[in-house]
Structures are given as structure tokens and as C-alpha cells.
Amino acid sequence: MRTMPDLKLGKLPDRTPVKITFIAPPDLNKALQAYAALYRETYGEAESVPELIPYMLQSFLEADRGFAKARKALPEGEGKGTGIAQPGSRGRAPRAPLPPTDKED
């Protein structure tokens, strides 16, 4: 029987994109459209609301200290992973990096 090498890099996690759909109330849709317009004005590049939403959600989750603390207490496999994966469309690399967040451990 062949022994497996001791690699520094562990097995990569599942990176299969998951499509999530939801119905947004009109006020939220208007706010998201306004955010996309401000993004275009700020960075000079237009991004659609669906392209921005994964980054917005990631930023929100990373900034929620209560969620981070509760997530650490979860048993492995129950919403707990090695971290929040970088969002991307259909396996593409993200277009723009997210701004850094203040992290307390």
C-alpha cells in the first residue's frame, strides 16, 4: 500500500458556485440600483447589481462580529468552513478586491 505524501496544502474546498434567487422589495431594488450607480461613478466601471451582491453579502458577513463568534462555535459541517469564499461568477476570479475589514480575534 502506497503512503500519501504530507502536503502543506490540504484538499481544496468545494468551489462550485451556487445560484440563489430571491424577491427584493421595491425599496431594496431602488437602493441596490443606486448603489450600482454610485459604484460606477466612484470606480469608472459599471457592475450589475447581481455582480455586486455577493461582495456586499461577503462584506456584511465579515463585519458581523456576532455572526463570526457564533459561527466558530458551530460543529464542523454546520455552516462552518475555513472562511467565506471569494465570490465570483461561474468560477471567474473576482473583478475587484473587497475593501479590508477590521477584524478582531
Foldseek 3Di string as FASTA:
>chain_A
DDDDDDDPDDDDDDPQDDDDDDDDDPVVVVVLVVVQVVVCVVPVDGDDSVLCVVLVVLVVCQQPPVNVVVLVPDDPPPNHDPGDDDDDPRPDDRPDDRDDDDDDD
